[in-house]
PDB file of all heavy atoms in Angstrom:
ATOM      1  N   PHE A   1     -72.605 -44.998 245.007  1.00  0.00           N
ATOM      2  CA  PHE A   1     -73.585 -43.967 244.583  1.00  0.00           C
ATOM      3  C   PHE A   1     -74.948 -44.543 244.891  1.00  0.00           C
ATOM      4  O   PHE A   1     -75.244 -45.731 244.775  1.00  0.00           O
ATOM      5  CB  PHE A   1     -73.447 -43.671 243.058  1.00  0.00           C
ATOM      6  CG  PHE A   1     -74.248 -42.524 242.589  1.00  0.00           C
ATOM      7  CD1 PHE A   1     -73.829 -41.226 242.758  1.00  0.00           C
ATOM      8  CD2 PHE A   1     -75.508 -42.690 242.019  1.00  0.00           C
ATOM      9  CE1 PHE A   1     -74.529 -40.189 242.243  1.00  0.00           C
ATOM     10  CE2 PHE A   1     -76.262 -41.649 241.576  1.00  0.00           C
ATOM     11  CZ  PHE A   1     -75.752 -40.332 241.700  1.00  0.00           C
ATOM     12  N   TYR A   2     -75.850 -43.650 245.236  1.00  0.00           N
ATOM     13  CA  TYR A   2     -77.207 -43.956 245.735  1.00  0.00           C
ATOM     14  C   TYR A   2     -78.242 -43.240 244.877  1.00  0.00           C
ATOM     15  O   TYR A   2     -78.132 -42.070 244.677  1.00  0.00           O
ATOM     16  CB  TYR A   2     -77.330 -43.574 247.147  1.00  0.00           C
ATOM     17  CG  TYR A   2     -78.677 -43.768 247.778  1.00  0.00           C
ATOM     18  CD1 TYR A   2     -79.383 -44.976 247.606  1.00  0.00           C
ATOM     19  CD2 TYR A   2     -79.295 -42.722 248.492  1.00  0.00           C
ATOM     20  CE1 TYR A   2     -80.656 -45.096 248.133  1.00  0.00           C
ATOM     21  CE2 TYR A   2     -80.597 -42.881 249.039  1.00  0.00           C
ATOM     22  CZ  TYR A   2     -81.251 -44.063 248.859  1.00  0.00           C
ATOM     23  OH  TYR A   2     -82.473 -44.214 249.438  1.00  0.00           O
ATOM     24  N   ILE A   3     -79.143 -44.047 244.275  1.00  0.00           N
ATOM     25  CA  ILE A   3     -80.152 -43.501 243.411  1.00  0.00           C
ATOM     26  C   ILE A   3     -81.315 -42.829 244.221  1.00  0.00           C
ATOM     27  O   ILE A   3     -81.980 -43.565 244.991  1.00  0.00           O
ATOM     28  CB  ILE A   3     -80.716 -44.554 242.408  1.00  0.00           C
ATOM     29  CG1 ILE A   3     -79.620 -45.120 241.521  1.00  0.00           C
ATOM     30  CG2 ILE A   3     -81.826 -43.983 241.548  1.00  0.00           C
ATOM     31  CD1 ILE A   3     -78.985 -44.177 240.593  1.00  0.00           C
ATOM     32  N   THR A   4     -81.570 -41.527 244.035  1.00  0.00           N
ATOM     33  CA  THR A   4     -82.549 -40.862 244.712  1.00  0.00           C
ATOM     34  C   THR A   4     -83.719 -40.286 243.857  1.00  0.00           C
ATOM     35  O   THR A   4     -84.696 -39.720 244.360  1.00  0.00           O
ATOM     36  CB  THR A   4     -81.919 -39.673 245.500  1.00  0.00           C
ATOM     37  OG1 THR A   4     -81.288 -38.742 244.547  1.00  0.00           O
ATOM     38  CG2 THR A   4     -80.911 -40.134 246.503  1.00  0.00           C
ATOM     39  N   SER A   5     -83.595 -40.466 242.536  1.00  0.00           N
ATOM     40  CA  SER A   5     -84.622 -39.958 241.657  1.00  0.00           C
ATOM     41  C   SER A   5     -84.949 -41.018 240.590  1.00  0.00           C
ATOM     42  O   SER A   5     -84.181 -41.982 240.418  1.00  0.00           O
ATOM     43  CB  SER A   5     -84.189 -38.665 241.001  1.00  0.00           C
ATOM     44  OG  SER A   5     -83.325 -38.929 239.897  1.00  0.00           O
ATOM     45  N   GLY A   6     -86.085 -40.832 239.882  1.00  0.00           N
ATOM     46  CA  GLY A   6     -86.487 -41.772 238.945  1.00  0.00           C
ATOM     47  C   GLY A   6     -86.027 -41.472 237.547  1.00  0.00           C
ATOM     48  O   GLY A   6     -86.624 -42.122 236.528  1.00  0.00           O
ATOM     49  N   SER A   7     -85.055 -40.662 237.314  1.00  0.00           N
ATOM     50  CA  SER A   7     -84.718 -40.300 235.949  1.00  0.00           C
ATOM     51  C   SER A   7     -84.037 -41.359 235.116  1.00  0.00           C
ATOM     52  O   SER A   7     -83.970 -41.282 233.920  1.00  0.00           O
ATOM     53  CB  SER A   7     -83.690 -39.080 235.980  1.00  0.00           C
ATOM     54  OG  SER A   7     -82.474 -39.413 236.563  1.00  0.00           O
ATOM     55  N   MET A   8     -83.635 -42.521 235.795  1.00  0.00           N
ATOM     56  CA  MET A   8     -83.053 -43.556 235.073  1.00  0.00           C
ATOM     57  C   MET A   8     -83.909 -44.848 235.094  1.00  0.00           C
ATOM     58  O   MET A   8     -83.429 -45.967 234.764  1.00  0.00           O
ATOM     59  CB  MET A   8     -81.630 -43.880 235.619  1.00  0.00           C
ATOM     60  CG  MET A   8     -80.559 -42.896 235.172  1.00  0.00           C
ATOM     61  SD  MET A   8     -80.240 -42.903 233.381  1.00  0.00           S
ATOM     62  CE  MET A   8     -79.454 -44.506 233.137  1.00  0.00           C
ATOM     63  N   GLU A   9     -85.148 -44.727 235.536  1.00  0.00           N
ATOM     64  CA  GLU A   9     -85.993 -45.908 235.480  1.00  0.00           C
ATOM     65  C   GLU A   9     -86.233 -46.361 234.057  1.00  0.00           C
ATOM     66  O   GLU A   9     -86.293 -45.510 233.152  1.00  0.00           O
ATOM     67  CB  GLU A   9     -87.382 -45.514 236.110  1.00  0.00           C
ATOM     68  CG  GLU A   9     -87.336 -45.230 237.567  1.00  0.00           C
ATOM     69  CD  GLU A   9     -88.698 -44.861 238.140  1.00  0.00           C
ATOM     70  OE1 GLU A   9     -89.696 -44.695 237.407  1.00  0.00           O
ATOM     71  OE2 GLU A   9     -88.770 -44.795 239.380  1.00  0.00           O
ATOM     72  N   ASN A  10     -86.361 -47.635 233.793  1.00  0.00           N
ATOM     73  CA  ASN A  10     -86.390 -48.703 234.776  1.00  0.00           C
ATOM     74  C   ASN A  10     -84.983 -49.408 234.871  1.00  0.00           C
ATOM     75  O   ASN A  10     -84.819 -50.463 235.537  1.00  0.00           O
ATOM     76  CB  ASN A  10     -87.370 -49.790 234.411  1.00  0.00           C
ATOM     77  CG  ASN A  10     -88.821 -49.355 234.559  1.00  0.00           C
ATOM     78  OD1 ASN A  10     -89.109 -48.730 235.641  1.00  0.00           O
ATOM     79  ND2 ASN A  10     -89.635 -49.506 233.598  1.00  0.00           N
ATOM     80  N   THR A  11     -84.007 -48.779 234.289  1.00  0.00           N
ATOM     81  CA  THR A  11     -82.654 -49.382 234.414  1.00  0.00           C
ATOM     82  C   THR A  11     -82.168 -49.305 235.781  1.00  0.00           C
ATOM     83  O   THR A  11     -81.613 -50.340 236.336  1.00  0.00           O
ATOM     84  CB  THR A  11     -81.653 -48.578 233.498  1.00  0.00           C
ATOM     85  OG1 THR A  11     -82.170 -48.484 232.190  1.00  0.00           O
ATOM     86  CG2 THR A  11     -80.275 -49.215 233.514  1.00  0.00           C
ATOM     87  N   MET A  12     -82.377 -48.242 236.475  1.00  0.00           N
ATOM     88  CA  MET A  12     -82.065 -48.157 237.946  1.00  0.00           C
ATOM     89  C   MET A  12     -83.221 -47.477 238.582  1.00  0.00           C
ATOM     90  O   MET A  12     -83.893 -46.644 238.112  1.00  0.00           O
ATOM     91  CB  MET A  12     -80.787 -47.291 238.060  1.00  0.00           C
ATOM     92  CG  MET A  12     -79.524 -48.063 237.613  1.00  0.00           C
ATOM     93  SD  MET A  12     -78.007 -47.088 237.783  1.00  0.00           S
ATOM     94  CE  MET A  12     -78.276 -45.832 236.527  1.00  0.00           C
ATOM     95  N   LEU A  13     -83.378 -47.962 239.852  1.00  0.00           N
ATOM     96  CA  LEU A  13     -84.592 -47.547 240.615  1.00  0.00           C
ATOM     97  C   LEU A  13     -84.175 -46.722 241.850  1.00  0.00           C
ATOM     98  O   LEU A  13     -83.037 -46.907 242.340  1.00  0.00           O
ATOM     99  CB  LEU A  13     -85.423 -48.762 241.041  1.00  0.00           C
ATOM    100  CG  LEU A  13     -85.854 -49.696 239.971  1.00  0.00           C
ATOM    101  CD1 LEU A  13     -86.605 -50.903 240.551  1.00  0.00           C
ATOM    102  CD2 LEU A  13     -86.763 -49.025 238.935  1.00  0.00           C
ATOM    103  N   VAL A  14     -85.071 -45.923 242.338  1.00  0.00           N
ATOM    104  CA  VAL A  14     -84.817 -45.233 243.602  1.00  0.00           C
ATOM    105  C   VAL A  14     -84.588 -46.299 244.675  1.00  0.00           C
ATOM    106  O   VAL A  14     -85.356 -47.216 244.829  1.00  0.00           O
ATOM    107  CB  VAL A  14     -86.041 -44.349 243.984  1.00  0.00           C
ATOM    108  CG1 VAL A  14     -85.807 -43.811 245.351  1.00  0.00           C
ATOM    109  CG2 VAL A  14     -86.268 -43.208 242.962  1.00  0.00           C
ATOM    110  N   GLY A  15     -83.515 -46.178 245.390  1.00  0.00           N
ATOM    111  CA  GLY A  15     -83.198 -47.223 246.375  1.00  0.00           C
ATOM    112  C   GLY A  15     -82.129 -48.131 245.956  1.00  0.00           C
ATOM    113  O   GLY A  15     -81.662 -49.014 246.667  1.00  0.00           O
ATOM    114  N   ASP A  16     -81.602 -48.022 244.720  1.00  0.00           N
ATOM    115  CA  ASP A  16     -80.498 -48.832 244.222  1.00  0.00           C
ATOM    116  C   ASP A  16     -79.143 -48.169 244.766  1.00  0.00           C
ATOM    117  O   ASP A  16     -78.961 -47.006 244.701  1.00  0.00           O
ATOM    118  CB  ASP A  16     -80.420 -48.848 242.740  1.00  0.00           C
ATOM    119  CG  ASP A  16     -81.391 -49.823 242.148  1.00  0.00           C
ATOM    120  OD1 ASP A  16     -82.061 -50.587 242.902  1.00  0.00           O
ATOM    121  OD2 ASP A  16     -81.579 -49.829 240.920  1.00  0.00           O
ATOM    122  N   PHE A  17     -78.253 -49.037 245.223  1.00  0.00           N
ATOM    123  CA  PHE A  17     -76.938 -48.572 245.644  1.00  0.00           C
ATOM    124  C   PHE A  17     -75.923 -49.165 244.642  1.00  0.00           C
ATOM    125  O   PHE A  17     -75.943 -50.346 244.363  1.00  0.00           O
ATOM    126  CB  PHE A  17     -76.552 -49.115 247.053  1.00  0.00           C
ATOM    127  CG  PHE A  17     -77.406 -48.453 248.131  1.00  0.00           C
ATOM    128  CD1 PHE A  17     -78.718 -48.796 248.325  1.00  0.00           C
ATOM    129  CD2 PHE A  17     -76.779 -47.542 249.033  1.00  0.00           C
ATOM    130  CE1 PHE A  17     -79.452 -48.179 249.342  1.00  0.00           C
ATOM    131  CE2 PHE A  17     -77.511 -46.980 250.027  1.00  0.00           C
ATOM    132  CZ  PHE A  17     -78.849 -47.235 250.208  1.00  0.00           C
ATOM    133  N   LEU A  18     -75.078 -48.336 244.090  1.00  0.00           N
ATOM    134  CA  LEU A  18     -74.272 -48.638 242.985  1.00  0.00           C
ATOM    135  C   LEU A  18     -72.768 -48.645 243.319  1.00  0.00           C
ATOM    136  O   LEU A  18     -72.337 -47.856 244.142  1.00  0.00           O
ATOM    137  CB  LEU A  18     -74.482 -47.656 241.861  1.00  0.00           C
ATOM    138  CG  LEU A  18     -75.905 -47.337 241.435  1.00  0.00           C
ATOM    139  CD1 LEU A  18     -75.923 -46.176 240.345  1.00  0.00           C
ATOM    140  CD2 LEU A  18     -76.644 -48.543 240.977  1.00  0.00           C
ATOM    141  N   VAL A  19     -71.998 -49.500 242.701  1.00  0.00           N
ATOM    142  CA  VAL A  19     -70.536 -49.441 242.671  1.00  0.00           C
ATOM    143  C   VAL A  19     -70.133 -48.805 241.373  1.00  0.00           C
ATOM    144  O   VAL A  19     -70.518 -49.251 240.317  1.00  0.00           O
ATOM    145  CB  VAL A  19     -69.917 -50.799 242.903  1.00  0.00           C
ATOM    146  CG1 VAL A  19     -68.406 -50.725 242.635  1.00  0.00           C
ATOM    147  CG2 VAL A  19     -70.181 -51.342 244.271  1.00  0.00           C
ATOM    148  N   VAL A  20     -69.316 -47.806 241.461  1.00  0.00           N
ATOM    149  CA  VAL A  20     -68.881 -47.004 240.284  1.00  0.00           C
ATOM    150  C   VAL A  20     -67.311 -47.203 240.104  1.00  0.00           C
ATOM    151  O   VAL A  20     -66.552 -47.036 241.039  1.00  0.00           O
ATOM    152  CB  VAL A  20     -69.182 -45.522 240.462  1.00  0.00           C
ATOM    153  CG1 VAL A  20     -68.646 -44.640 239.224  1.00  0.00           C
ATOM    154  CG2 VAL A  20     -70.658 -45.324 240.697  1.00  0.00           C
ATOM    155  N   ASN A  21     -66.993 -47.598 238.922  1.00  0.00           N
ATOM    156  CA  ASN A  21     -65.506 -47.830 238.577  1.00  0.00           C
ATOM    157  C   ASN A  21     -64.917 -46.476 238.157  1.00  0.00           C
ATOM    158  O   ASN A  21     -65.158 -46.004 237.057  1.00  0.00           O
ATOM    159  CB  ASN A  21     -65.397 -48.786 237.500  1.00  0.00           C
ATOM    160  CG  ASN A  21     -63.940 -49.181 237.159  1.00  0.00           C
ATOM    161  OD1 ASN A  21     -63.055 -48.510 237.538  1.00  0.00           O
ATOM    162  ND2 ASN A  21     -63.780 -50.300 236.454  1.00  0.00           N
ATOM    163  N   ARG A  22     -64.078 -45.938 239.001  1.00  0.00           N
ATOM    164  CA  ARG A  22     -63.487 -44.619 238.679  1.00  0.00           C
ATOM    165  C   ARG A  22     -62.195 -44.818 237.829  1.00  0.00           C
ATOM    166  O   ARG A  22     -61.751 -43.844 237.181  1.00  0.00           O
ATOM    167  CB  ARG A  22     -63.132 -43.889 239.938  1.00  0.00           C
ATOM    168  CG  ARG A  22     -64.247 -43.674 240.877  1.00  0.00           C
ATOM    169  CD  ARG A  22     -63.904 -42.765 242.039  1.00  0.00           C
ATOM    170  NE  ARG A  22     -63.859 -41.383 241.656  1.00  0.00           N
ATOM    171  CZ  ARG A  22     -63.932 -40.299 242.472  1.00  0.00           C
ATOM    172  NH1 ARG A  22     -63.930 -40.560 243.799  1.00  0.00           N
ATOM    173  NH2 ARG A  22     -63.896 -39.145 242.060  1.00  0.00           N
ATOM    174  N   ALA A  23     -61.635 -46.020 237.908  1.00  0.00           N
ATOM    175  CA  ALA A  23     -60.344 -46.227 237.186  1.00  0.00           C
ATOM    176  C   ALA A  23     -60.520 -46.159 235.670  1.00  0.00           C
ATOM    177  O   ALA A  23     -59.552 -45.951 234.946  1.00  0.00           O
ATOM    178  CB  ALA A  23     -59.730 -47.530 237.647  1.00  0.00           C
ATOM    179  N   VAL A  24     -61.741 -46.350 235.163  1.00  0.00           N
ATOM    180  CA  VAL A  24     -61.962 -46.317 233.748  1.00  0.00           C
ATOM    181  C   VAL A  24     -61.554 -45.000 233.200  1.00  0.00           C
ATOM    182  O   VAL A  24     -60.841 -44.909 232.168  1.00  0.00           O
ATOM    183  CB  VAL A  24     -63.402 -46.629 233.360  1.00  0.00           C
ATOM    184  CG1 VAL A  24     -63.660 -46.446 231.922  1.00  0.00           C
ATOM    185  CG2 VAL A  24     -63.802 -48.016 233.797  1.00  0.00           C
ATOM    186  N   VAL A  25     -62.074 -43.901 233.795  1.00  0.00           N
ATOM    187  CA  VAL A  25     -61.717 -42.500 233.258  1.00  0.00           C
ATOM    188  C   VAL A  25     -60.560 -41.991 233.981  1.00  0.00           C
ATOM    189  O   VAL A  25     -60.011 -40.933 233.594  1.00  0.00           O
ATOM    190  CB  VAL A  25     -62.951 -41.646 233.478  1.00  0.00           C
ATOM    191  CG1 VAL A  25     -64.133 -42.125 232.675  1.00  0.00           C
ATOM    192  CG2 VAL A  25     -63.328 -41.488 234.969  1.00  0.00           C
ATOM    193  N   GLY A  26     -60.054 -42.656 235.071  1.00  0.00           N
ATOM    194  CA  GLY A  26     -58.994 -42.113 235.838  1.00  0.00           C
ATOM    195  C   GLY A  26     -59.460 -41.300 236.984  1.00  0.00           C
ATOM    196  O   GLY A  26     -60.240 -40.338 236.779  1.00  0.00           O
ATOM    197  N   GLY A  27     -59.110 -41.533 238.213  1.00  0.00           N
ATOM    198  CA  GLY A  27     -59.646 -40.872 239.370  1.00  0.00           C
ATOM    199  C   GLY A  27     -59.146 -39.410 239.290  1.00  0.00           C
ATOM    200  O   GLY A  27     -58.025 -39.072 238.901  1.00  0.00           O
TER     201      GLY A  27
END
């Protein structure tokens, strides 16, 4: 996942690339 907005600043910034664990909730 790629952050494109500032709605989660300062935890995550525009330009952050994330790895998301789908197995937690089940794909």
